[in-house]
Amino acid sequence: MLKYAAVLLPLVALAACSDADVASANLSKAADQFEINRRVVFYNGITGDYILSVEGLCSLGNADSKGQLTVTCKTGPGAYKKHFLGLSDNVTYFAEQLEAASVSAYHYRVVFKPSVIVPDIDIR
């Protein structure tokens, strides 16, 4: 019963969403699947200077602690790099989507990762 609730709850929540909300959620999911080219720029808000720029198929951290941002980028087949960046009262960032992406405003997207659902078991 609990697994049915886990599937139905997002469906009910999406029923109340606008087309823009669904498209935005689908773009975020596509970026988390390394399908969206992004440029993430960190800058000093006091001096106006750029500190760092990260560009490519990058996903922003979804569960980062306050004052921290992780940027994970796919650099090749099965190859990834993860960057840890500190944010402060004068250092902030913006993320830019570099190209238009085709996502549906009428269909939501659910991504299951079997490796997360089924644990990796070592047999000895």
PDB file of N, CA and C in Angstrom:
ATOM      1  N   MET A   1       0.819  -1.192   0.000  1.00  0.00           N
ATOM      2  CA  MET A   1       0.000   0.000   0.000  1.00  0.00           C
ATOM      3  C   MET A   1       0.867   1.261   0.000  1.00  0.00           C
ATOM      4  N   LEU A   2       1.970   1.198   0.754  1.00  0.00           N
ATOM      5  CA  LEU A   2       2.856   2.358   0.839  1.00  0.00           C
ATOM      6  C   LEU A   2       3.479   2.687  -0.512  1.00  0.00           C
ATOM      7  N   LYS A   3       3.831   1.652  -1.300  1.00  0.00           N
ATOM      8  CA  LYS A   3       4.437   1.945  -2.600  1.00  0.00           C
ATOM      9  C   LYS A   3       3.430   2.580  -3.551  1.00  0.00           C
ATOM     10  N   TYR A   4       2.139   2.252  -3.423  1.00  0.00           N
ATOM     11  CA  TYR A   4       1.135   2.898  -4.258  1.00  0.00           C
ATOM     12  C   TYR A   4       0.991   4.372  -3.895  1.00  0.00           C
ATOM     13  N   ALA A   5       1.064   4.662  -2.593  1.00  0.00           N
ATOM     14  CA  ALA A   5       0.982   6.053  -2.149  1.00  0.00           C
ATOM     15  C   ALA A   5       2.177   6.851  -2.672  1.00  0.00           C
ATOM     16  N   ALA A   6       3.352   6.230  -2.709  1.00  0.00           N
ATOM     17  CA  ALA A   6       4.549   6.907  -3.201  1.00  0.00           C
ATOM     18  C   ALA A   6       4.432   7.239  -4.678  1.00  0.00           C
ATOM     19  N   VAL A   7       3.689   6.445  -5.432  1.00  0.00           N
ATOM     20  CA  VAL A   7       3.497   6.702  -6.861  1.00  0.00           C
ATOM     21  C   VAL A   7       2.358   7.684  -7.085  1.00  0.00           C
ATOM     22  N   LEU A   8       1.287   7.562  -6.322  1.00  0.00           N
ATOM     23  CA  LEU A   8       0.116   8.407  -6.537  1.00  0.00           C
ATOM     24  C   LEU A   8       0.290   9.830  -6.021  1.00  0.00           C
ATOM     25  N   LEU A   9       1.049  10.016  -4.950  1.00  0.00           N
ATOM     26  CA  LEU A   9       1.226  11.350  -4.390  1.00  0.00           C
ATOM     27  C   LEU A   9       1.815  12.335  -5.394  1.00  0.00           C
ATOM     28  N   PRO A  10       2.907  11.980  -6.116  1.00  0.00           N
ATOM     29  CA  PRO A  10       3.413  12.920  -7.129  1.00  0.00           C
ATOM     30  C   PRO A  10       2.402  13.192  -8.244  1.00  0.00           C
ATOM     31  N   LEU A  11       1.594  12.194  -8.596  1.00  0.00           N
ATOM     32  CA  LEU A  11       0.596  12.397  -9.643  1.00  0.00           C
ATOM     33  C   LEU A  11      -0.448  13.414  -9.210  1.00  0.00           C
ATOM     34  N   VAL A  12      -0.893  13.320  -7.966  1.00  0.00           N
ATOM     35  CA  VAL A  12      -1.876  14.265  -7.446  1.00  0.00           C
ATOM     36  C   VAL A  12      -1.258  15.661  -7.368  1.00  0.00           C
ATOM     37  N   ALA A  13      -0.020  15.743  -6.923  1.00  0.00           N
ATOM     38  CA  ALA A  13       0.656  17.044  -6.828  1.00  0.00           C
ATOM     39  C   ALA A  13       0.812  17.681  -8.202  1.00  0.00           C
ATOM     40  N   LEU A  14       1.134  16.873  -9.208  1.00  0.00           N
ATOM     41  CA  LEU A  14       1.318  17.415 -10.557  1.00  0.00           C
ATOM     42  C   LEU A  14       0.010  17.844 -11.194  1.00  0.00           C
ATOM     43  N   ALA A  15      -1.101  17.274 -10.761  1.00  0.00           N
ATOM     44  CA  ALA A  15      -2.388  17.643 -11.330  1.00  0.00           C
ATOM     45  C   ALA A  15      -2.690  19.115 -11.082  1.00  0.00           C
ATOM     46  N   ALA A  16      -2.165  19.677  -9.987  1.00  0.00           N
ATOM     47  CA  ALA A  16      -2.413  21.069  -9.647  1.00  0.00           C
ATOM     48  C   ALA A  16      -1.349  22.007 -10.216  1.00  0.00           C
ATOM     49  N   CYS A  17      -0.372  21.479 -10.915  1.00  0.00           N
ATOM     50  CA  CYS A  17       0.732  22.296 -11.429  1.00  0.00           C
ATOM     51  C   CYS A  17       0.365  22.923 -12.774  1.00  0.00           C
ATOM     52  N   SER A  18       0.954  24.077 -13.032  1.00  0.00           N
ATOM     53  CA  SER A  18       0.779  24.715 -14.333  1.00  0.00           C
ATOM     54  C   SER A  18       1.706  24.064 -15.351  1.00  0.00           C
ATOM     55  N   ASP A  19       1.505  24.388 -16.631  1.00  0.00           N
ATOM     56  CA  ASP A  19       2.395  23.883 -17.681  1.00  0.00           C
ATOM     57  C   ASP A  19       3.834  24.305 -17.413  1.00  0.00           C
ATOM     58  N   ALA A  20       4.020  25.537 -16.959  1.00  0.00           N
ATOM     59  CA  ALA A  20       5.365  26.031 -16.677  1.00  0.00           C
ATOM     60  C   ALA A  20       6.020  25.247 -15.546  1.00  0.00           C
ATOM     61  N   ASP A  21       5.243  24.877 -14.530  1.00  0.00           N
ATOM     62  CA  ASP A  21       5.792  24.090 -13.414  1.00  0.00           C
ATOM     63  C   ASP A  21       6.256  22.718 -13.888  1.00  0.00           C
ATOM     64  N   VAL A  22       5.445  22.075 -14.729  1.00  0.00           N
ATOM     65  CA  VAL A  22       5.800  20.743 -15.238  1.00  0.00           C
ATOM     66  C   VAL A  22       7.026  20.832 -16.145  1.00  0.00           C
ATOM     67  N   ALA A  23       7.054  21.829 -17.046  1.00  0.00           N
ATOM     68  CA  ALA A  23       8.216  21.997 -17.931  1.00  0.00           C
ATOM     69  C   ALA A  23       9.472  22.286 -17.115  1.00  0.00           C
ATOM     70  N   SER A  24       9.359  23.128 -16.088  1.00  0.00           N
ATOM     71  CA  SER A  24      10.504  23.445 -15.234  1.00  0.00           C
ATOM     72  C   SER A  24      11.010  22.201 -14.511  1.00  0.00           C
ATOM     73  N   ALA A  25      10.092  21.407 -13.975  1.00  0.00           N
ATOM     74  CA  ALA A  25      10.495  20.168 -13.290  1.00  0.00           C
ATOM     75  C   ALA A  25      11.164  19.207 -14.265  1.00  0.00           C
ATOM     76  N   ASN A  26      10.636  19.116 -15.481  1.00  0.00           N
ATOM     77  CA  ASN A  26      11.235  18.227 -16.481  1.00  0.00           C
ATOM     78  C   ASN A  26      12.619  18.706 -16.913  1.00  0.00           C
ATOM     79  N   LEU A  27      12.825  20.023 -17.013  1.00  0.00           N
ATOM     80  CA  LEU A  27      14.162  20.553 -17.323  1.00  0.00           C
ATOM     81  C   LEU A  27      15.145  20.224 -16.198  1.00  0.00           C
ATOM     82  N   SER A  28      14.693  20.354 -14.959  1.00  0.00           N
ATOM     83  CA  SER A  28      15.561  20.026 -13.822  1.00  0.00           C
ATOM     84  C   SER A  28      15.928  18.555 -13.823  1.00  0.00           C
ATOM     85  N   LYS A  29      14.957  17.693 -14.118  1.00  0.00           N
ATOM     86  CA  LYS A  29      15.247  16.251 -14.185  1.00  0.00           C
ATOM     87  C   LYS A  29      16.221  15.947 -15.317  1.00  0.00           C
ATOM     88  N   ALA A  30      16.034  16.607 -16.463  1.00  0.00           N
ATOM     89  CA  ALA A  30      16.954  16.392 -17.591  1.00  0.00           C
ATOM     90  C   ALA A  30      18.370  16.835 -17.221  1.00  0.00           C
ATOM     91  N   ALA A  31      18.496  17.946 -16.523  1.00  0.00           N
ATOM     92  CA  ALA A  31      19.821  18.415 -16.099  1.00  0.00           C
ATOM     93  C   ALA A  31      20.444  17.426 -15.116  1.00  0.00           C
ATOM     94  N   ASP A  32      19.636  16.866 -14.224  1.00  0.00           N
ATOM     95  CA  ASP A  32      20.150  15.883 -13.270  1.00  0.00           C
ATOM     96  C   ASP A  32      20.549  14.578 -13.947  1.00  0.00           C
ATOM     97  N   GLN A  33      20.078  14.358 -15.172  1.00  0.00           N
ATOM     98  CA  GLN A  33      20.469  13.183 -15.955  1.00  0.00           C
ATOM     99  C   GLN A  33      21.590  13.523 -16.939  1.00  0.00           C
ATOM    100  N   PHE A  34      22.196  14.702 -16.776  1.00  0.00           N
ATOM    101  CA  PHE A  34      23.308  15.181 -17.611  1.00  0.00           C
ATOM    102  C   PHE A  34      22.912  15.282 -19.080  1.00  0.00           C
ATOM    103  N   GLU A  35      21.721  15.823 -19.325  1.00  0.00           N
ATOM    104  CA  GLU A  35      21.224  16.015 -20.685  1.00  0.00           C
ATOM    105  C   GLU A  35      21.188  17.490 -21.077  1.00  0.00           C
ATOM    106  N   ILE A  36      21.519  18.391 -20.159  1.00  0.00           N
ATOM    107  CA  ILE A  36      21.404  19.828 -20.388  1.00  0.00           C
ATOM    108  C   ILE A  36      22.779  20.473 -20.210  1.00  0.00           C
ATOM    109  N   ASN A  37      23.220  21.229 -21.216  1.00  0.00           N
ATOM    110  CA  ASN A  37      24.462  21.993 -21.102  1.00  0.00           C
ATOM    111  C   ASN A  37      24.205  23.241 -20.272  1.00  0.00           C
ATOM    112  N   ARG A  38      25.030  23.424 -19.257  1.00  0.00           N
ATOM    113  CA  ARG A  38      24.894  24.576 -18.370  1.00  0.00           C
ATOM    114  C   ARG A  38      26.224  25.287 -18.202  1.00  0.00           C
ATOM    115  N   ARG A  39      26.123  26.557 -17.851  1.00  0.00           N
ATOM    116  CA  ARG A  39      27.276  27.325 -17.392  1.00  0.00           C
ATOM    117  C   ARG A  39      26.907  27.831 -16.000  1.00  0.00           C
ATOM    118  N   VAL A  40      27.744  27.513 -15.015  1.00  0.00           N
ATOM    119  CA  VAL A  40      27.533  27.966 -13.641  1.00  0.00           C
ATOM    120  C   VAL A  40      28.664  28.932 -13.319  1.00  0.00           C
ATOM    121  N   VAL A  41      28.314  30.164 -13.012  1.00  0.00           N
ATOM    122  CA  VAL A  41      29.295  31.206 -12.752  1.00  0.00           C
ATOM    123  C   VAL A  41      29.182  31.643 -11.296  1.00  0.00           C
ATOM    124  N   PHE A  42      30.320  31.674 -10.612  1.00  0.00           N
ATOM    125  CA  PHE A  42      30.397  32.157  -9.238  1.00  0.00           C
ATOM    126  C   PHE A  42      31.034  33.539  -9.276  1.00  0.00           C
ATOM    127  N   TYR A  43      30.454  34.462  -8.544  1.00  0.00           N
ATOM    128  CA  TYR A  43      30.984  35.824  -8.576  1.00  0.00           C
ATOM    129  C   TYR A  43      30.890  36.488  -7.215  1.00  0.00           C
ATOM    130  N   ASN A  44      31.739  37.469  -7.029  1.00  0.00           N
ATOM    131  CA  ASN A  44      31.786  38.253  -5.811  1.00  0.00           C
ATOM    132  C   ASN A  44      30.820  39.422  -5.989  1.00  0.00           C
ATOM    133  N   GLY A  45      29.795  39.459  -5.165  1.00  0.00           N
ATOM    134  CA  GLY A  45      28.781  40.497  -5.281  1.00  0.00           C
ATOM    135  C   GLY A  45      29.257  41.875  -4.876  1.00  0.00           C
ATOM    136  N   ILE A  46      30.353  41.969  -4.140  1.00  0.00           N
ATOM    137  CA  ILE A  46      30.873  43.269  -3.722  1.00  0.00           C
ATOM    138  C   ILE A  46      31.761  43.871  -4.813  1.00  0.00           C
ATOM    139  N   THR A  47      32.689  43.061  -5.323  1.00  0.00           N
ATOM    140  CA  THR A  47      33.611  43.579  -6.348  1.00  0.00           C
ATOM    141  C   THR A  47      33.061  43.413  -7.758  1.00  0.00           C
ATOM    142  N   GLY A  48      32.093  42.500  -7.937  1.00  0.00           N
ATOM    143  CA  GLY A  48      31.556  42.239  -9.266  1.00  0.00           C
ATOM    144  C   GLY A  48      32.439  41.328 -10.099  1.00  0.00           C
ATOM    145  N   ASP A  49      33.497  40.787  -9.501  1.00  0.00           N
ATOM    146  CA  ASP A  49      34.424  39.922 -10.235  1.00  0.00           C
ATOM    147  C   ASP A  49      33.927  38.485 -10.298  1.00  0.00           C
ATOM    148  N   TYR A  50      34.135  37.838 -11.464  1.00  0.00           N
ATOM    149  CA  TYR A  50      33.865  36.410 -11.587  1.00  0.00           C
ATOM    150  C   TYR A  50      34.982  35.655 -10.891  1.00  0.00           C
ATOM    151  N   ILE A  51      34.621  34.659 -10.119  1.00  0.00           N
ATOM    152  CA  ILE A  51      35.601  33.858  -9.391  1.00  0.00           C
ATOM    153  C   ILE A  51      35.875  32.547 -10.117  1.00  0.00           C
ATOM    154  N   LEU A  52      34.817  31.947 -10.645  1.00  0.00           N
ATOM    155  CA  LEU A  52      34.928  30.618 -11.247  1.00  0.00           C
ATOM    156  C   LEU A  52      33.778  30.406 -12.202  1.00  0.00           C
ATOM    157  N   SER A  53      34.031  29.674 -13.265  1.00  0.00           N
ATOM    158  CA  SER A  53      32.985  29.292 -14.202  1.00  0.00           C
ATOM    159  C   SER A  53      33.127  27.801 -14.491  1.00  0.00           C
ATOM    160  N   VAL A  54      32.015  27.064 -14.404  1.00  0.00           N
ATOM    161  CA  VAL A  54      31.983  25.632 -14.712  1.00  0.00           C
ATOM    162  C   VAL A  54      30.983  25.460 -15.840  1.00  0.00           C
ATOM    163  N   GLU A  55      31.381  24.775 -16.909  1.00  0.00           N
ATOM    164  CA  GLU A  55      30.511  24.650 -18.074  1.00  0.00           C
ATOM    165  C   GLU A  55      30.488  23.215 -18.565  1.00  0.00           C
ATOM    166  N   GLY A  56      29.313  22.738 -18.947  1.00  0.00           N
ATOM    167  CA  GLY A  56      29.177  21.398 -19.508  1.00  0.00           C
ATOM    168  C   GLY A  56      27.870  20.754 -19.101  1.00  0.00           C
ATOM    169  N   LEU A  57      27.826  19.442 -19.194  1.00  0.00           N
ATOM    170  CA  LEU A  57      26.656  18.671 -18.788  1.00  0.00           C
ATOM    171  C   LEU A  57      26.706  18.541 -17.271  1.00  0.00           C
ATOM    172  N   CYS A  58      26.161  19.540 -16.581  1.00  0.00           N
ATOM    173  CA  CYS A  58      26.338  19.653 -15.141  1.00  0.00           C
ATOM    174  C   CYS A  58      25.008  19.646 -14.391  1.00  0.00           C
ATOM    175  N   SER A  59      25.042  19.008 -13.241  1.00  0.00           N
ATOM    176  CA  SER A  59      23.908  18.954 -12.331  1.00  0.00           C
ATOM    177  C   SER A  59      24.284  19.697 -11.061  1.00  0.00           C
ATOM    178  N   LEU A  60      23.371  20.528 -10.570  1.00  0.00           N
ATOM    179  CA  LEU A  60      23.607  21.237  -9.317  1.00  0.00           C
ATOM    180  C   LEU A  60      23.153  20.367  -8.153  1.00  0.00           C
ATOM    181  N   GLY A  61      23.831  20.511  -7.020  1.00  0.00           N
ATOM    182  CA  GLY A  61      23.487  19.720  -5.840  1.00  0.00           C
ATOM    183  C   GLY A  61      22.069  19.978  -5.383  1.00  0.00           C
ATOM    184  N   ASN A  62      21.338  18.902  -5.140  1.00  0.00           N
ATOM    185  CA  ASN A  62      19.944  19.037  -4.725  1.00  0.00           C
ATOM    186  C   ASN A  62      19.765  19.014  -3.212  1.00  0.00           C
ATOM    187  N   ALA A  63      20.734  18.492  -2.500  1.00  0.00           N
ATOM    188  CA  ALA A  63      20.601  18.364  -1.053  1.00  0.00           C
ATOM    189  C   ALA A  63      21.812  18.955  -0.348  1.00  0.00           C
ATOM    190  N   ASP A  64      22.351  20.026  -0.893  1.00  0.00           N
ATOM    191  CA  ASP A  64      23.541  20.638  -0.308  1.00  0.00           C
ATOM    192  C   ASP A  64      23.184  21.367   0.982  1.00  0.00           C
ATOM    193  N   SER A  65      24.155  21.413   1.890  1.00  0.00           N
ATOM    194  CA  SER A  65      23.955  22.146   3.127  1.00  0.00           C
ATOM    195  C   SER A  65      24.030  23.649   2.847  1.00  0.00           C
ATOM    196  N   LYS A  66      23.548  24.423   3.790  1.00  0.00           N
ATOM    197  CA  LYS A  66      23.550  25.880   3.640  1.00  0.00           C
ATOM    198  C   LYS A  66      24.989  26.374   3.494  1.00  0.00           C
ATOM    199  N   GLY A  67      25.218  27.249   2.538  1.00  0.00           N
ATOM    200  CA  GLY A  67      26.543  27.801   2.321  1.00  0.00           C
ATOM    201  C   GLY A  67      27.437  26.945   1.453  1.00  0.00           C
ATOM    202  N   GLN A  68      26.885  25.901   0.867  1.00  0.00           N
ATOM    203  CA  GLN A  68      27.682  25.017   0.013  1.00  0.00           C
ATOM    204  C   GLN A  68      26.883  24.673  -1.237  1.00  0.00           C
ATOM    205  N   LEU A  69      27.572  24.519  -2.355  1.00  0.00           N
ATOM    206  CA  LEU A  69      26.950  24.060  -3.584  1.00  0.00           C
ATOM    207  C   LEU A  69      27.883  23.050  -4.237  1.00  0.00           C
ATOM    208  N   THR A  70      27.328  21.927  -4.628  1.00  0.00           N
ATOM    209  CA  THR A  70      28.107  20.966  -5.399  1.00  0.00           C
ATOM    210  C   THR A  70      27.657  21.035  -6.847  1.00  0.00           C
ATOM    211  N   VAL A  71      28.624  20.917  -7.737  1.00  0.00           N
ATOM    212  CA  VAL A  71      28.355  20.883  -9.169  1.00  0.00           C
ATOM    213  C   VAL A  71      29.013  19.611  -9.684  1.00  0.00           C
ATOM    214  N   THR A  72      28.198  18.694 -10.214  1.00  0.00           N
ATOM    215  CA  THR A  72      28.691  17.434 -10.750  1.00  0.00           C
ATOM    216  C   THR A  72      28.532  17.474 -12.262  1.00  0.00           C
ATOM    217  N   CYS A  73      29.619  17.209 -12.986  1.00  0.00           N
ATOM    218  CA  CYS A  73      29.599  17.288 -14.446  1.00  0.00           C
ATOM    219  C   CYS A  73      30.013  15.953 -15.051  1.00  0.00           C
ATOM    220  N   LYS A  74      29.329  15.589 -16.121  1.00  0.00           N
ATOM    221  CA  LYS A  74      29.685  14.391 -16.879  1.00  0.00           C
ATOM    222  C   LYS A  74      30.738  14.802 -17.898  1.00  0.00           C
ATOM    223  N   THR A  75      31.892  14.139 -17.845  1.00  0.00           N
ATOM    224  CA  THR A  75      33.000  14.519 -18.714  1.00  0.00           C
ATOM    225  C   THR A  75      33.288  13.486 -19.799  1.00  0.00           C
ATOM    226  N   GLY A  76      32.566  12.369 -19.788  1.00  0.00           N
ATOM    227  CA  GLY A  76      32.744  11.320 -20.781  1.00  0.00           C
ATOM    228  C   GLY A  76      31.868  10.143 -20.407  1.00  0.00           C
ATOM    229  N   PRO A  77      31.882   9.083 -21.208  1.00  0.00           N
ATOM    230  CA  PRO A  77      31.076   7.906 -20.879  1.00  0.00           C
ATOM    231  C   PRO A  77      31.504   7.323 -19.525  1.00  0.00           C
ATOM    232  N   GLY A  78      30.630   7.421 -18.543  1.00  0.00           N
ATOM    233  CA  GLY A  78      30.926   6.900 -17.219  1.00  0.00           C
ATOM    234  C   GLY A  78      31.954   7.699 -16.443  1.00  0.00           C
ATOM    235  N   ALA A  79      32.292   8.921 -16.894  1.00  0.00           N
ATOM    236  CA  ALA A  79      33.295   9.750 -16.224  1.00  0.00           C
ATOM    237  C   ALA A  79      32.637  11.032 -15.709  1.00  0.00           C
ATOM    238  N   TYR A  80      32.876  11.337 -14.446  1.00  0.00           N
ATOM    239  CA  TYR A  80      32.247  12.485 -13.802  1.00  0.00           C
ATOM    240  C   TYR A  80      33.261  13.229 -12.951  1.00  0.00           C
ATOM    241  N   LYS A  81      33.030  14.532 -12.781  1.00  0.00           N
ATOM    242  CA  LYS A  81      33.817  15.349 -11.869  1.00  0.00           C
ATOM    243  C   LYS A  81      32.849  16.095 -10.967  1.00  0.00           C
ATOM    244  N   LYS A  82      33.200  16.162  -9.690  1.00  0.00           N
ATOM    245  CA  LYS A  82      32.345  16.840  -8.716  1.00  0.00           C
ATOM    246  C   LYS A  82      33.139  17.960  -8.068  1.00  0.00           C
ATOM    247  N   HIS A  83      32.537  19.140  -8.027  1.00  0.00           N
ATOM    248  CA  HIS A  83      33.168  20.323  -7.464  1.00  0.00           C
ATOM    249  C   HIS A  83      32.368  20.766  -6.238  1.00  0.00           C
ATOM    250  N   PHE A  84      33.063  21.104  -5.164  1.00  0.00           N
ATOM    251  CA  PHE A  84      32.441  21.618  -3.947  1.00  0.00           C
ATOM    252  C   PHE A  84      32.784  23.099  -3.842  1.00  0.00           C
ATOM    253  N   LEU A  85      31.762  23.923  -3.736  1.00  0.00           N
ATOM    254  CA  LEU A  85      31.978  25.362  -3.721  1.00  0.00           C
ATOM    255  C   LEU A  85      31.292  25.965  -2.494  1.00  0.00           C
ATOM    256  N   GLY A  86      32.006  26.856  -1.827  1.00  0.00           N
ATOM    257  CA  GLY A  86      31.447  27.537  -0.669  1.00  0.00           C
ATOM    258  C   GLY A  86      30.795  28.844  -1.075  1.00  0.00           C
ATOM    259  N   LEU A  87      29.633  29.113  -0.504  1.00  0.00           N
ATOM    260  CA  LEU A  87      28.924  30.364  -0.753  1.00  0.00           C
ATOM    261  C   LEU A  87      28.971  31.194   0.522  1.00  0.00           C
ATOM    262  N   SER A  88      28.992  32.502   0.373  1.00  0.00           N
ATOM    263  CA  SER A  88      29.018  33.377   1.546  1.00  0.00           C
ATOM    264  C   SER A  88      28.108  34.571   1.295  1.00  0.00           C
ATOM    265  N   ASP A  89      28.168  35.533   2.206  1.00  0.00           N
ATOM    266  CA  ASP A  89      27.306  36.701   2.052  1.00  0.00           C
ATOM    267  C   ASP A  89      27.688  37.560   0.852  1.00  0.00           C
ATOM    268  N   ASN A  90      28.894  37.388   0.330  1.00  0.00           N
ATOM    269  CA  ASN A  90      29.278  38.183  -0.839  1.00  0.00           C
ATOM    270  C   ASN A  90      29.635  37.327  -2.053  1.00  0.00           C
ATOM    271  N   VAL A  91      29.620  36.019  -1.934  1.00  0.00           N
ATOM    272  CA  VAL A  91      29.879  35.131  -3.074  1.00  0.00           C
ATOM    273  C   VAL A  91      28.598  34.374  -3.381  1.00  0.00           C
ATOM    274  N   THR A  92      28.145  34.478  -4.609  1.00  0.00           N
ATOM    275  CA  THR A  92      26.930  33.803  -5.034  1.00  0.00           C
ATOM    276  C   THR A  92      27.158  33.226  -6.426  1.00  0.00           C
ATOM    277  N   TYR A  93      26.136  32.652  -7.025  1.00  0.00           N
ATOM    278  CA  TYR A  93      26.286  32.034  -8.336  1.00  0.00           C
ATOM    279  C   TYR A  93      25.009  32.193  -9.139  1.00  0.00           C
ATOM    280  N   PHE A  94      25.128  31.977 -10.417  1.00  0.00           N
ATOM    281  CA  PHE A  94      23.950  31.791 -11.258  1.00  0.00           C
ATOM    282  C   PHE A  94      24.267  30.682 -12.249  1.00  0.00           C
ATOM    283  N   ALA A  95      23.226  29.941 -12.590  1.00  0.00           N
ATOM    284  CA  ALA A  95      23.360  28.839 -13.535  1.00  0.00           C
ATOM    285  C   ALA A  95      22.563  29.192 -14.780  1.00  0.00           C
ATOM    286  N   GLU A  96      23.205  29.047 -15.915  1.00  0.00           N
ATOM    287  CA  GLU A  96      22.600  29.399 -17.203  1.00  0.00           C
ATOM    288  C   GLU A  96      22.482  28.144 -18.049  1.00  0.00           C
ATOM    289  N   GLN A  97      21.301  27.920 -18.589  1.00  0.00           N
ATOM    290  CA  GLN A  97      21.116  26.835 -19.550  1.00  0.00           C
ATOM    291  C   GLN A  97      21.577  27.356 -20.891  1.00  0.00           C
ATOM    292  N   LEU A  98      22.543  26.672 -21.517  1.00  0.00           N
ATOM    293  CA  LEU A  98      23.193  27.211 -22.718  1.00  0.00           C
ATOM    294  C   LEU A  98      22.411  26.989 -23.997  1.00  0.00           C
ATOM    295  N   GLU A  99      21.578  25.972 -24.039  1.00  0.00           N
ATOM    296  CA  GLU A  99      20.826  25.669 -25.253  1.00  0.00           C
ATOM    297  C   GLU A  99      19.381  25.360 -24.881  1.00  0.00           C
ATOM    298  N   ALA A 100      18.482  25.590 -25.814  1.00  0.00           N
ATOM    299  CA  ALA A 100      17.088  25.227 -25.581  1.00  0.00           C
ATOM    300  C   ALA A 100      16.976  23.704 -25.517  1.00  0.00           C
ATOM    301  N   ALA A 101      16.070  23.227 -24.693  1.00  0.00           N
ATOM    302  CA  ALA A 101      15.848  21.784 -24.574  1.00  0.00           C
ATOM    303  C   ALA A 101      14.371  21.508 -24.787  1.00  0.00           C
ATOM    304  N   SER A 102      14.096  20.418 -25.432  1.00  0.00           N
ATOM    305  CA  SER A 102      12.719  20.044 -25.712  1.00  0.00           C
ATOM    306  C   SER A 102      12.193  19.169 -24.577  1.00  0.00           C
ATOM    307  N   VAL A 103      11.304  19.734 -23.780  1.00  0.00           N
ATOM    308  CA  VAL A 103      10.631  18.972 -22.727  1.00  0.00           C
ATOM    309  C   VAL A 103       9.137  19.211 -22.855  1.00  0.00           C
ATOM    310  N   SER A 104       8.367  18.285 -22.369  1.00  0.00           N
ATOM    311  CA  SER A 104       6.925  18.393 -22.468  1.00  0.00           C
ATOM    312  C   SER A 104       6.346  19.164 -21.290  1.00  0.00           C
ATOM    313  N   ALA A 105       5.383  19.999 -21.574  1.00  0.00           N
ATOM    314  CA  ALA A 105       4.640  20.682 -20.518  1.00  0.00           C
ATOM    315  C   ALA A 105       3.414  19.869 -20.122  1.00  0.00           C
ATOM    316  N   TYR A 106       3.160  18.767 -20.825  1.00  0.00           N
ATOM    317  CA  TYR A 106       1.959  17.976 -20.585  1.00  0.00           C
ATOM    318  C   TYR A 106       2.237  16.627 -19.951  1.00  0.00           C
ATOM    319  N   HIS A 107       3.468  16.199 -19.968  1.00  0.00           N
ATOM    320  CA  HIS A 107       3.810  14.910 -19.386  1.00  0.00           C
ATOM    321  C   HIS A 107       4.913  15.110 -18.365  1.00  0.00           C
ATOM    322  N   TYR A 108       4.750  14.498 -17.225  1.00  0.00           N
ATOM    323  CA  TYR A 108       5.795  14.577 -16.215  1.00  0.00           C
ATOM    324  C   TYR A 108       6.811  13.476 -16.465  1.00  0.00           C
ATOM    325  N   ARG A 109       7.898  13.539 -15.742  1.00  0.00           N
ATOM    326  CA  ARG A 109       8.988  12.600 -15.960  1.00  0.00           C
ATOM    327  C   ARG A 109       9.422  12.016 -14.617  1.00  0.00           C
ATOM    328  N   VAL A 110       9.496  10.709 -14.558  1.00  0.00           N
ATOM    329  CA  VAL A 110       9.976  10.008 -13.373  1.00  0.00           C
ATOM    330  C   VAL A 110      11.177   9.181 -13.790  1.00  0.00           C
ATOM    331  N   VAL A 111      12.268   9.292 -13.050  1.00  0.00           N
ATOM    332  CA  VAL A 111      13.481   8.553 -13.364  1.00  0.00           C
ATOM    333  C   VAL A 111      13.782   7.614 -12.202  1.00  0.00           C
ATOM    334  N   PHE A 112      13.747   6.312 -12.475  1.00  0.00           N
ATOM    335  CA  PHE A 112      14.121   5.309 -11.480  1.00  0.00           C
ATOM    336  C   PHE A 112      15.533   4.840 -11.775  1.00  0.00           C
ATOM    337  N   LYS A 113      16.325   4.719 -10.751  1.00  0.00           N
ATOM    338  CA  LYS A 113      17.681   4.203 -10.890  1.00  0.00           C
ATOM    339  C   LYS A 113      17.740   2.886 -10.125  1.00  0.00           C
ATOM    340  N   PRO A 114      17.748   1.769 -10.843  1.00  0.00           N
ATOM    341  CA  PRO A 114      17.761   0.473 -10.155  1.00  0.00           C
ATOM    342  C   PRO A 114      18.919   0.328  -9.177  1.00  0.00           C
ATOM    343  N   SER A 115      20.057   0.946  -9.463  1.00  0.00           N
ATOM    344  CA  SER A 115      21.204   0.825  -8.563  1.00  0.00           C
ATOM    345  C   SER A 115      20.927   1.493  -7.215  1.00  0.00           C
ATOM    346  N   VAL A 116      19.993   2.432  -7.165  1.00  0.00           N
ATOM    347  CA  VAL A 116      19.641   3.072  -5.917  1.00  0.00           C
ATOM    348  C   VAL A 116      18.579   2.268  -5.186  1.00  0.00           C
ATOM    349  N   ILE A 117      17.663   1.687  -5.936  1.00  0.00           N
ATOM    350  CA  ILE A 117      16.573   0.916  -5.340  1.00  0.00           C
ATOM    351  C   ILE A 117      17.072  -0.427  -4.834  1.00  0.00           C
ATOM    352  N   VAL A 118      17.854  -1.119  -5.651  1.00  0.00           N
ATOM    353  CA  VAL A 118      18.406  -2.423  -5.278  1.00  0.00           C
ATOM    354  C   VAL A 118      19.854  -2.210  -4.853  1.00  0.00           C
ATOM    355  N   PRO A 119      20.185  -2.586  -3.622  1.00  0.00           N
ATOM    356  CA  PRO A 119      21.562  -2.348  -3.162  1.00  0.00           C
ATOM    357  C   PRO A 119      22.574  -3.206  -3.913  1.00  0.00           C
ATOM    358  N   ASP A 120      23.782  -2.681  -3.998  1.00  0.00           N
ATOM    359  CA  ASP A 120      24.895  -3.413  -4.605  1.00  0.00           C
ATOM    360  C   ASP A 120      25.388  -4.422  -3.574  1.00  0.00           C
ATOM    361  N   ILE A 121      25.303  -5.690  -3.913  1.00  0.00           N
ATOM    362  CA  ILE A 121      25.664  -6.758  -2.981  1.00  0.00           C
ATOM    363  C   ILE A 121      26.934  -7.426  -3.444  1.00  0.00           C
ATOM    364  N   ASP A 122      27.889  -7.521  -2.535  1.00  0.00           N
ATOM    365  CA  ASP A 122      29.117  -8.249  -2.804  1.00  0.00           C
ATOM    366  C   ASP A 122      28.965  -9.674  -2.297  1.00  0.00           C
ATOM    367  N   ILE A 123      29.186 -10.639  -3.164  1.00  0.00           N
ATOM    368  CA  ILE A 123      29.099 -12.049  -2.775  1.00  0.00           C
ATOM    369  C   ILE A 123      30.516 -12.556  -2.591  1.00  0.00           C
ATOM    370  N   ARG A 124      30.756 -13.190  -1.456  1.00  0.00           N
ATOM    371  CA  ARG A 124      32.098 -13.716  -1.158  1.00  0.00           C
ATOM    372  C   ARG A 124      32.070 -15.218  -1.101  1.00  0.00           C
TER     373      ARG A 124
END
